[in-house]
PDB file of N, CA and C in Angstrom:
ATOM      1  N   UNK A   1     -27.426 -40.010  24.368  1.00  0.00           N
ATOM      2  CA  UNK A   1     -28.121 -39.216  23.377  1.00  0.00           C
ATOM      3  C   UNK A   1     -28.836 -38.043  24.050  1.00  0.00           C
ATOM      4  N   UNK A   2     -28.813 -36.927  23.393  1.00  0.00           N
ATOM      5  CA  UNK A   2     -29.511 -35.747  23.901  1.00  0.00           C
ATOM      6  C   UNK A   2     -30.911 -35.702  23.311  1.00  0.00           C
ATOM      7  N   UNK A   3     -31.841 -35.187  24.101  1.00  0.00           N
ATOM      8  CA  UNK A   3     -33.239 -35.145  23.679  1.00  0.00           C
ATOM      9  C   UNK A   3     -33.684 -33.706  23.432  1.00  0.00           C
ATOM     10  N   UNK A   4     -34.438 -33.547  22.354  1.00  0.00           N
ATOM     11  CA  UNK A   4     -34.959 -32.245  21.953  1.00  0.00           C
ATOM     12  C   UNK A   4     -36.403 -32.403  21.514  1.00  0.00           C
ATOM     13  N   UNK A   5     -37.087 -31.287  21.446  1.00  0.00           N
ATOM     14  CA  UNK A   5     -38.380 -31.221  20.783  1.00  0.00           C
ATOM     15  C   UNK A   5     -38.270 -30.205  19.656  1.00  0.00           C
ATOM     16  N   UNK A   6     -38.970 -30.491  18.589  1.00  0.00           N
ATOM     17  CA  UNK A   6     -39.078 -29.566  17.467  1.00  0.00           C
ATOM     18  C   UNK A   6     -40.552 -29.284  17.270  1.00  0.00           C
ATOM     19  N   UNK A   7     -40.923 -28.019  17.360  1.00  0.00           N
ATOM     20  CA  UNK A   7     -42.301 -27.626  17.086  1.00  0.00           C
ATOM     21  C   UNK A   7     -42.316 -26.771  15.836  1.00  0.00           C
ATOM     22  N   UNK A   8     -43.233 -27.114  14.931  1.00  0.00           N
ATOM     23  CA  UNK A   8     -43.398 -26.362  13.694  1.00  0.00           C
ATOM     24  C   UNK A   8     -44.832 -25.892  13.578  1.00  0.00           C
ATOM     25  N   UNK A   9     -45.003 -24.699  13.051  1.00  0.00           N
ATOM     26  CA  UNK A   9     -46.321 -24.185  12.680  1.00  0.00           C
ATOM     27  C   UNK A   9     -46.304 -24.089  11.163  1.00  0.00           C
ATOM     28  N   UNK A  10     -47.267 -24.776  10.537  1.00  0.00           N
ATOM     29  CA  UNK A  10     -47.283 -24.783   9.079  1.00  0.00           C
ATOM     30  C   UNK A  10     -48.524 -24.083   8.548  1.00  0.00           C
ATOM     31  N   UNK A  11     -48.454 -23.739   7.297  1.00  0.00           N
ATOM     32  CA  UNK A  11     -49.513 -23.024   6.600  1.00  0.00           C
ATOM     33  C   UNK A  11     -50.843 -23.784   6.706  1.00  0.00           C
ATOM     34  N   UNK A  12     -51.881 -23.183   7.272  1.00  0.00           N
ATOM     35  CA  UNK A  12     -53.160 -23.873   7.434  1.00  0.00           C
ATOM     36  C   UNK A  12     -53.942 -24.016   6.131  1.00  0.00           C
ATOM     37  N   UNK A  13     -53.514 -23.331   5.095  1.00  0.00           N
ATOM     38  CA  UNK A  13     -54.239 -23.393   3.828  1.00  0.00           C
ATOM     39  C   UNK A  13     -53.734 -24.495   2.902  1.00  0.00           C
ATOM     40  N   UNK A  14     -52.747 -25.269   3.346  1.00  0.00           N
ATOM     41  CA  UNK A  14     -52.238 -26.360   2.520  1.00  0.00           C
ATOM     42  C   UNK A  14     -53.294 -27.444   2.351  1.00  0.00           C
ATOM     43  N   UNK A  15     -53.365 -27.992   1.158  1.00  0.00           N
ATOM     44  CA  UNK A  15     -54.231 -29.141   0.911  1.00  0.00           C
ATOM     45  C   UNK A  15     -53.609 -30.372   1.569  1.00  0.00           C
ATOM     46  N   UNK A  16     -54.411 -31.399   1.789  1.00  0.00           N
ATOM     47  CA  UNK A  16     -53.941 -32.590   2.503  1.00  0.00           C
ATOM     48  C   UNK A  16     -52.717 -33.218   1.832  1.00  0.00           C
ATOM     49  N   UNK A  17     -52.718 -33.312   0.512  1.00  0.00           N
ATOM     50  CA  UNK A  17     -51.569 -33.893  -0.196  1.00  0.00           C
ATOM     51  C   UNK A  17     -50.307 -33.067   0.023  1.00  0.00           C
ATOM     52  N   UNK A  18     -50.453 -31.760   0.008  1.00  0.00           N
ATOM     53  CA  UNK A  18     -49.305 -30.879   0.226  1.00  0.00           C
ATOM     54  C   UNK A  18     -48.798 -30.967   1.658  1.00  0.00           C
ATOM     55  N   UNK A  19     -49.719 -31.083   2.627  1.00  0.00           N
ATOM     56  CA  UNK A  19     -49.306 -31.253   4.032  1.00  0.00           C
ATOM     57  C   UNK A  19     -48.533 -32.552   4.203  1.00  0.00           C
ATOM     58  N   UNK A  20     -49.058 -33.629   3.615  1.00  0.00           N
ATOM     59  CA  UNK A  20     -48.393 -34.928   3.712  1.00  0.00           C
ATOM     60  C   UNK A  20     -47.002 -34.867   3.091  1.00  0.00           C
ATOM     61  N   UNK A  21     -46.889 -34.217   1.945  1.00  0.00           N
ATOM     62  CA  UNK A  21     -45.587 -34.086   1.284  1.00  0.00           C
ATOM     63  C   UNK A  21     -44.619 -33.264   2.133  1.00  0.00           C
ATOM     64  N   UNK A  22     -45.103 -32.189   2.738  1.00  0.00           N
ATOM     65  CA  UNK A  22     -44.254 -31.350   3.588  1.00  0.00           C
ATOM     66  C   UNK A  22     -43.772 -32.129   4.809  1.00  0.00           C
ATOM     67  N   UNK A  23     -44.662 -32.884   5.437  1.00  0.00           N
ATOM     68  CA  UNK A  23     -44.280 -33.683   6.607  1.00  0.00           C
ATOM     69  C   UNK A  23     -43.240 -34.727   6.220  1.00  0.00           C
ATOM     70  N   UNK A  24     -43.423 -35.379   5.085  1.00  0.00           N
ATOM     71  CA  UNK A  24     -42.440 -36.362   4.609  1.00  0.00           C
ATOM     72  C   UNK A  24     -41.089 -35.708   4.350  1.00  0.00           C
ATOM     73  N   UNK A  25     -41.110 -34.528   3.771  1.00  0.00           N
ATOM     74  CA  UNK A  25     -39.880 -33.792   3.490  1.00  0.00           C
ATOM     75  C   UNK A  25     -39.157 -33.415   4.785  1.00  0.00           C
ATOM     76  N   UNK A  26     -39.916 -32.983   5.781  1.00  0.00           N
ATOM     77  CA  UNK A  26     -39.318 -32.628   7.074  1.00  0.00           C
ATOM     78  C   UNK A  26     -38.671 -33.853   7.709  1.00  0.00           C
ATOM     79  N   UNK A  27     -39.388 -34.983   7.716  1.00  0.00           N
ATOM     80  CA  UNK A  27     -38.837 -36.215   8.302  1.00  0.00           C
ATOM     81  C   UNK A  27     -37.568 -36.653   7.578  1.00  0.00           C
ATOM     82  N   UNK A  28     -37.575 -36.547   6.265  1.00  0.00           N
ATOM     83  CA  UNK A  28     -36.407 -36.924   5.482  1.00  0.00           C
ATOM     84  C   UNK A  28     -35.214 -36.036   5.834  1.00  0.00           C
ATOM     85  N   UNK A  29     -35.434 -34.755   5.976  1.00  0.00           N
ATOM     86  CA  UNK A  29     -34.345 -33.842   6.352  1.00  0.00           C
ATOM     87  C   UNK A  29     -33.812 -34.166   7.743  1.00  0.00           C
ATOM     88  N   UNK A  30     -34.702 -34.499   8.672  1.00  0.00           N
ATOM     89  CA  UNK A  30     -34.266 -34.870  10.017  1.00  0.00           C
ATOM     90  C   UNK A  30     -33.410 -36.130   9.968  1.00  0.00           C
ATOM     91  N   UNK A  31     -33.859 -37.132   9.214  1.00  0.00           N
ATOM     92  CA  UNK A  31     -33.093 -38.376   9.096  1.00  0.00           C
ATOM     93  C   UNK A  31     -31.736 -38.143   8.443  1.00  0.00           C
ATOM     94  N   UNK A  32     -31.691 -37.318   7.411  1.00  0.00           N
ATOM     95  CA  UNK A  32     -30.425 -37.024   6.736  1.00  0.00           C
ATOM     96  C   UNK A  32     -29.451 -36.294   7.652  1.00  0.00           C
ATOM     97  N   UNK A  33     -29.972 -35.569   8.619  1.00  0.00           N
ATOM     98  CA  UNK A  33     -29.121 -34.850   9.577  1.00  0.00           C
ATOM     99  C   UNK A  33     -28.668 -35.756  10.723  1.00  0.00           C
ATOM    100  N   UNK A  34     -29.067 -37.029  10.692  1.00  0.00           N
ATOM    101  CA  UNK A  34     -28.669 -37.960  11.739  1.00  0.00           C
ATOM    102  C   UNK A  34     -29.503 -37.851  12.995  1.00  0.00           C
ATOM    103  N   UNK A  35     -30.706 -37.323  12.861  1.00  0.00           N
ATOM    104  CA  UNK A  35     -31.598 -37.125  14.000  1.00  0.00           C
ATOM    105  C   UNK A  35     -32.642 -38.233  14.009  1.00  0.00           C
ATOM    106  N   UNK A  36     -32.848 -38.833  15.172  1.00  0.00           N
ATOM    107  CA  UNK A  36     -33.851 -39.875  15.326  1.00  0.00           C
ATOM    108  C   UNK A  36     -35.140 -39.248  15.834  1.00  0.00           C
ATOM    109  N   UNK A  37     -36.237 -39.477  15.120  1.00  0.00           N
ATOM    110  CA  UNK A  37     -37.558 -39.009  15.552  1.00  0.00           C
ATOM    111  C   UNK A  37     -38.162 -40.113  16.411  1.00  0.00           C
ATOM    112  N   UNK A  38     -38.385 -39.828  17.694  1.00  0.00           N
ATOM    113  CA  UNK A  38     -38.937 -40.836  18.598  1.00  0.00           C
ATOM    114  C   UNK A  38     -40.444 -40.718  18.767  1.00  0.00           C
ATOM    115  N   UNK A  39     -40.996 -39.557  18.422  1.00  0.00           N
ATOM    116  CA  UNK A  39     -42.449 -39.368  18.521  1.00  0.00           C
ATOM    117  C   UNK A  39     -42.857 -38.214  17.614  1.00  0.00           C
ATOM    118  N   UNK A  40     -44.072 -38.320  17.102  1.00  0.00           N
ATOM    119  CA  UNK A  40     -44.613 -37.271  16.236  1.00  0.00           C
ATOM    120  C   UNK A  40     -46.060 -37.029  16.644  1.00  0.00           C
ATOM    121  N   UNK A  41     -46.377 -35.787  16.962  1.00  0.00           N
ATOM    122  CA  UNK A  41     -47.757 -35.390  17.253  1.00  0.00           C
ATOM    123  C   UNK A  41     -48.148 -34.312  16.260  1.00  0.00           C
ATOM    124  N   UNK A  42     -49.285 -34.516  15.622  1.00  0.00           N
ATOM    125  CA  UNK A  42     -49.781 -33.533  14.667  1.00  0.00           C
ATOM    126  C   UNK A  42     -51.084 -32.983  15.220  1.00  0.00           C
ATOM    127  N   UNK A  43     -51.120 -31.676  15.416  1.00  0.00           N
ATOM    128  CA  UNK A  43     -52.316 -31.003  15.929  1.00  0.00           C
ATOM    129  C   UNK A  43     -52.846 -30.119  14.821  1.00  0.00           C
ATOM    130  N   UNK A  44     -53.947 -30.503  14.240  1.00  0.00           N
ATOM    131  CA  UNK A  44     -54.502 -29.734  13.128  1.00  0.00           C
ATOM    132  C   UNK A  44     -55.494 -28.705  13.626  1.00  0.00           C
ATOM    133  N   UNK A  45     -55.485 -27.573  12.989  1.00  0.00           N
ATOM    134  CA  UNK A  45     -56.500 -26.528  13.140  1.00  0.00           C
ATOM    135  C   UNK A  45     -56.709 -26.080  14.582  1.00  0.00           C
ATOM    136  N   UNK A  46     -55.679 -25.559  15.177  1.00  0.00           N
ATOM    137  CA  UNK A  46     -55.789 -24.964  16.504  1.00  0.00           C
ATOM    138  C   UNK A  46     -56.002 -23.463  16.356  1.00  0.00           C
ATOM    139  N   UNK A  47     -57.024 -22.964  17.005  1.00  0.00           N
ATOM    140  CA  UNK A  47     -57.291 -21.528  16.950  1.00  0.00           C
ATOM    141  C   UNK A  47     -56.642 -20.857  18.151  1.00  0.00           C
ATOM    142  N   UNK A  48     -55.886 -19.817  17.877  1.00  0.00           N
ATOM    143  CA  UNK A  48     -55.181 -19.123  18.946  1.00  0.00           C
ATOM    144  C   UNK A  48     -55.566 -17.657  18.991  1.00  0.00           C
ATOM    145  N   UNK A  49     -55.032 -16.974  19.970  1.00  0.00           N
ATOM    146  CA  UNK A  49     -55.454 -15.611  20.278  1.00  0.00           C
ATOM    147  C   UNK A  49     -54.923 -14.564  19.308  1.00  0.00           C
ATOM    148  N   UNK A  50     -53.827 -14.838  18.633  1.00  0.00           N
ATOM    149  CA  UNK A  50     -53.284 -13.820  17.734  1.00  0.00           C
ATOM    150  C   UNK A  50     -52.946 -14.440  16.379  1.00  0.00           C
ATOM    151  N   UNK A  51     -52.791 -13.589  15.404  1.00  0.00           N
ATOM    152  CA  UNK A  51     -52.625 -14.042  14.029  1.00  0.00           C
ATOM    153  C   UNK A  51     -51.163 -14.040  13.595  1.00  0.00           C
ATOM    154  N   UNK A  52     -50.861 -14.964  12.722  1.00  0.00           N
ATOM    155  CA  UNK A  52     -49.619 -14.964  11.956  1.00  0.00           C
ATOM    156  C   UNK A  52     -50.043 -14.993  10.502  1.00  0.00           C
ATOM    157  N   UNK A  53     -49.541 -14.066   9.742  1.00  0.00           N
ATOM    158  CA  UNK A  53     -49.878 -13.972   8.317  1.00  0.00           C
ATOM    159  C   UNK A  53     -51.393 -13.973   8.093  1.00  0.00           C
ATOM    160  N   UNK A  54     -52.075 -13.175   8.877  1.00  0.00           N
ATOM    161  CA  UNK A  54     -53.529 -12.981   8.781  1.00  0.00           C
ATOM    162  C   UNK A  54     -54.340 -14.248   9.009  1.00  0.00           C
ATOM    163  N   UNK A  55     -53.812 -15.173   9.768  1.00  0.00           N
ATOM    164  CA  UNK A  55     -54.554 -16.390  10.090  1.00  0.00           C
ATOM    165  C   UNK A  55     -54.409 -16.679  11.578  1.00  0.00           C
ATOM    166  N   UNK A  56     -55.530 -16.956  12.243  1.00  0.00           N
ATOM    167  CA  UNK A  56     -55.437 -17.377  13.643  1.00  0.00           C
ATOM    168  C   UNK A  56     -55.727 -18.868  13.791  1.00  0.00           C
ATOM    169  N   UNK A  57     -55.820 -19.583  12.672  1.00  0.00           N
ATOM    170  CA  UNK A  57     -55.890 -21.044  12.669  1.00  0.00           C
ATOM    171  C   UNK A  57     -54.508 -21.542  12.257  1.00  0.00           C
ATOM    172  N   UNK A  58     -53.896 -22.345  13.104  1.00  0.00           N
ATOM    173  CA  UNK A  58     -52.547 -22.831  12.840  1.00  0.00           C
ATOM    174  C   UNK A  58     -52.529 -24.341  12.888  1.00  0.00           C
ATOM    175  N   UNK A  59     -51.641 -24.936  12.144  1.00  0.00           N
ATOM    176  CA  UNK A  59     -51.393 -26.373  12.193  1.00  0.00           C
ATOM    177  C   UNK A  59     -50.020 -26.584  12.823  1.00  0.00           C
ATOM    178  N   UNK A  60     -49.993 -27.397  13.868  1.00  0.00           N
ATOM    179  CA  UNK A  60     -48.764 -27.679  14.603  1.00  0.00           C
ATOM    180  C   UNK A  60     -48.277 -29.085  14.306  1.00  0.00           C
ATOM    181  N   UNK A  61     -46.974 -29.228  14.291  1.00  0.00           N
ATOM    182  CA  UNK A  61     -46.348 -30.542  14.287  1.00  0.00           C
ATOM    183  C   UNK A  61     -45.311 -30.512  15.404  1.00  0.00           C
ATOM    184  N   UNK A  62     -45.347 -31.510  16.266  1.00  0.00           N
ATOM    185  CA  UNK A  62     -44.404 -31.601  17.379  1.00  0.00           C
ATOM    186  C   UNK A  62     -43.649 -32.920  17.265  1.00  0.00           C
ATOM    187  N   UNK A  63     -42.329 -32.826  17.198  1.00  0.00           N
ATOM    188  CA  UNK A  63     -41.476 -34.007  17.118  1.00  0.00           C
ATOM    189  C   UNK A  63     -40.653 -34.128  18.391  1.00  0.00           C
ATOM    190  N   UNK A  64     -40.506 -35.351  18.885  1.00  0.00           N
ATOM    191  CA  UNK A  64     -39.532 -35.663  19.926  1.00  0.00           C
ATOM    192  C   UNK A  64     -38.311 -36.222  19.197  1.00  0.00           C
ATOM    193  N   UNK A  65     -37.138 -35.673  19.498  1.00  0.00           N
ATOM    194  CA  UNK A  65     -35.922 -36.009  18.762  1.00  0.00           C
ATOM    195  C   UNK A  65     -34.830 -36.499  19.695  1.00  0.00           C
ATOM    196  N   UNK A  66     -33.960 -37.338  19.156  1.00  0.00           N
ATOM    197  CA  UNK A  66     -32.745 -37.750  19.855  1.00  0.00           C
ATOM    198  C   UNK A  66     -31.576 -37.607  18.893  1.00  0.00           C
ATOM    199  N   UNK A  67     -30.466 -37.077  19.412  1.00  0.00           N
ATOM    200  CA  UNK A  67     -29.279 -36.940  18.582  1.00  0.00           C
ATOM    201  C   UNK A  67     -28.043 -36.873  19.451  1.00  0.00           C
ATOM    202  N   UNK A  68     -26.911 -37.146  18.820  1.00  0.00           N
ATOM    203  CA  UNK A  68     -25.636 -37.148  19.528  1.00  0.00           C
ATOM    204  C   UNK A  68     -25.092 -35.743  19.753  1.00  0.00           C
ATOM    205  N   UNK A  69     -25.137 -34.930  18.709  1.00  0.00           N
ATOM    206  CA  UNK A  69     -24.578 -33.584  18.833  1.00  0.00           C
ATOM    207  C   UNK A  69     -25.499 -32.586  18.156  1.00  0.00           C
ATOM    208  N   UNK A  70     -25.373 -31.365  18.548  1.00  0.00           N
ATOM    209  CA  UNK A  70     -26.188 -30.264  18.029  1.00  0.00           C
ATOM    210  C   UNK A  70     -25.788 -29.994  16.582  1.00  0.00           C
ATOM    211  N   UNK A  71     -26.740 -30.133  15.666  1.00  0.00           N
ATOM    212  CA  UNK A  71     -26.442 -29.853  14.260  1.00  0.00           C
ATOM    213  C   UNK A  71     -27.676 -29.271  13.570  1.00  0.00           C
ATOM    214  N   UNK A  72     -28.280 -28.276  14.184  1.00  0.00           N
ATOM    215  CA  UNK A  72     -29.528 -27.725  13.666  1.00  0.00           C
ATOM    216  C   UNK A  72     -29.341 -26.551  12.707  1.00  0.00           C
ATOM    217  N   UNK A  73     -28.117 -26.129  12.488  1.00  0.00           N
ATOM    218  CA  UNK A  73     -27.915 -24.948  11.644  1.00  0.00           C
ATOM    219  C   UNK A  73     -28.500 -25.144  10.247  1.00  0.00           C
ATOM    220  N   UNK A  74     -28.154 -26.257   9.596  1.00  0.00           N
ATOM    221  CA  UNK A  74     -28.651 -26.499   8.238  1.00  0.00           C
ATOM    222  C   UNK A  74     -30.163 -26.685   8.222  1.00  0.00           C
ATOM    223  N   UNK A  75     -30.697 -27.346   9.243  1.00  0.00           N
ATOM    224  CA  UNK A  75     -32.151 -27.531   9.315  1.00  0.00           C
ATOM    225  C   UNK A  75     -32.859 -26.195   9.490  1.00  0.00           C
ATOM    226  N   UNK A  76     -32.339 -25.365  10.362  1.00  0.00           N
ATOM    227  CA  UNK A  76     -32.939 -24.050  10.582  1.00  0.00           C
ATOM    228  C   UNK A  76     -32.923 -23.238   9.296  1.00  0.00           C
ATOM    229  N   UNK A  77     -31.823 -23.288   8.592  1.00  0.00           N
ATOM    230  CA  UNK A  77     -31.716 -22.579   7.322  1.00  0.00           C
ATOM    231  C   UNK A  77     -32.756 -23.106   6.327  1.00  0.00           C
ATOM    232  N   UNK A  78     -32.889 -24.418   6.254  1.00  0.00           N
ATOM    233  CA  UNK A  78     -33.859 -25.027   5.340  1.00  0.00           C
ATOM    234  C   UNK A  78     -35.291 -24.669   5.721  1.00  0.00           C
ATOM    235  N   UNK A  79     -35.607 -24.724   7.013  1.00  0.00           N
ATOM    236  CA  UNK A  79     -36.965 -24.397   7.464  1.00  0.00           C
ATOM    237  C   UNK A  79     -37.286 -22.923   7.204  1.00  0.00           C
ATOM    238  N   UNK A  80     -36.301 -22.058   7.340  1.00  0.00           N
ATOM    239  CA  UNK A  80     -36.518 -20.632   7.083  1.00  0.00           C
ATOM    240  C   UNK A  80     -36.834 -20.359   5.614  1.00  0.00           C
ATOM    241  N   UNK A  81     -36.319 -21.186   4.730  1.00  0.00           N
ATOM    242  CA  UNK A  81     -36.538 -21.005   3.297  1.00  0.00           C
ATOM    243  C   UNK A  81     -37.918 -21.495   2.866  1.00  0.00           C
ATOM    244  N   UNK A  82     -38.428 -22.518   3.516  1.00  0.00           N
ATOM    245  CA  UNK A  82     -39.707 -23.113   3.112  1.00  0.00           C
ATOM    246  C   UNK A  82     -40.859 -22.164   3.443  1.00  0.00           C
ATOM    247  N   UNK A  83     -41.610 -21.784   2.434  1.00  0.00           N
ATOM    248  CA  UNK A  83     -42.682 -20.803   2.627  1.00  0.00           C
ATOM    249  C   UNK A  83     -43.853 -21.357   3.435  1.00  0.00           C
ATOM    250  N   UNK A  84     -44.018 -22.686   3.484  1.00  0.00           N
ATOM    251  CA  UNK A  84     -45.152 -23.267   4.199  1.00  0.00           C
ATOM    252  C   UNK A  84     -44.842 -23.610   5.649  1.00  0.00           C
ATOM    253  N   UNK A  85     -43.592 -23.430   6.076  1.00  0.00           N
ATOM    254  CA  UNK A  85     -43.252 -23.528   7.494  1.00  0.00           C
ATOM    255  C   UNK A  85     -43.206 -22.099   8.011  1.00  0.00           C
ATOM    256  N   UNK A  86     -44.196 -21.743   8.819  1.00  0.00           N
ATOM    257  CA  UNK A  86     -44.317 -20.361   9.281  1.00  0.00           C
ATOM    258  C   UNK A  86     -43.457 -20.079  10.499  1.00  0.00           C
ATOM    259  N   UNK A  87     -43.336 -21.040  11.388  1.00  0.00           N
ATOM    260  CA  UNK A  87     -42.511 -20.883  12.590  1.00  0.00           C
ATOM    261  C   UNK A  87     -41.938 -22.251  12.951  1.00  0.00           C
ATOM    262  N   UNK A  88     -40.791 -22.235  13.613  1.00  0.00           N
ATOM    263  CA  UNK A  88     -40.232 -23.472  14.152  1.00  0.00           C
ATOM    264  C   UNK A  88     -39.344 -23.125  15.343  1.00  0.00           C
ATOM    265  N   UNK A  89     -39.222 -24.094  16.235  1.00  0.00           N
ATOM    266  CA  UNK A  89     -38.350 -23.905  17.394  1.00  0.00           C
ATOM    267  C   UNK A  89     -37.834 -25.270  17.837  1.00  0.00           C
ATOM    268  N   UNK A  90     -36.544 -25.323  18.151  1.00  0.00           N
ATOM    269  CA  UNK A  90     -35.924 -26.494  18.745  1.00  0.00           C
ATOM    270  C   UNK A  90     -35.791 -26.228  20.238  1.00  0.00           C
ATOM    271  N   UNK A  91     -36.187 -27.189  21.053  1.00  0.00           N
ATOM    272  CA  UNK A  91     -36.134 -27.042  22.508  1.00  0.00           C
ATOM    273  C   UNK A  91     -35.338 -28.206  23.077  1.00  0.00           C
ATOM    274  N   UNK A  92     -34.286 -27.902  23.845  1.00  0.00           N
ATOM    275  CA  UNK A  92     -33.502 -28.953  24.490  1.00  0.00           C
ATOM    276  C   UNK A  92     -34.210 -29.373  25.767  1.00  0.00           C
ATOM    277  N   UNK A  93     -34.425 -30.668  25.901  1.00  0.00           N
ATOM    278  CA  UNK A  93     -35.054 -31.203  27.098  1.00  0.00           C
ATOM    279  C   UNK A  93     -33.985 -31.531  28.127  1.00  0.00           C
ATOM    280  N   UNK A  94     -34.362 -31.475  29.379  1.00  0.00           N
ATOM    281  CA  UNK A  94     -33.406 -31.790  30.439  1.00  0.00           C
ATOM    282  C   UNK A  94     -33.089 -33.273  30.428  1.00  0.00           C
ATOM    283  N   UNK A  95     -31.845 -33.587  30.787  1.00  0.00           N
ATOM    284  CA  UNK A  95     -31.421 -34.995  30.828  1.00  0.00           C
ATOM    285  C   UNK A  95     -32.025 -35.717  31.996  1.00  0.00           C
TER     286      UNK A  95
END
């Protein structure tokens, strides 16, 4: 199995119920794509040096993933459509 990390920056203005729903939706999409989530780290309210969409407070979600083959095209397309996912990146980890 190949190992990846997925980092997402989500809208900091989401209410707790909306954040929980978004996280559940992301996990469901990962599972439907045949991706195993081995770890999840949620970092709330990190202040950084520059702004995205007039906000310098960001909420991060970091997933450790395992999968057999690269199939992120549909996920990337889906994440790009979601207005509350501001940024995302898939990173391949060394074997």
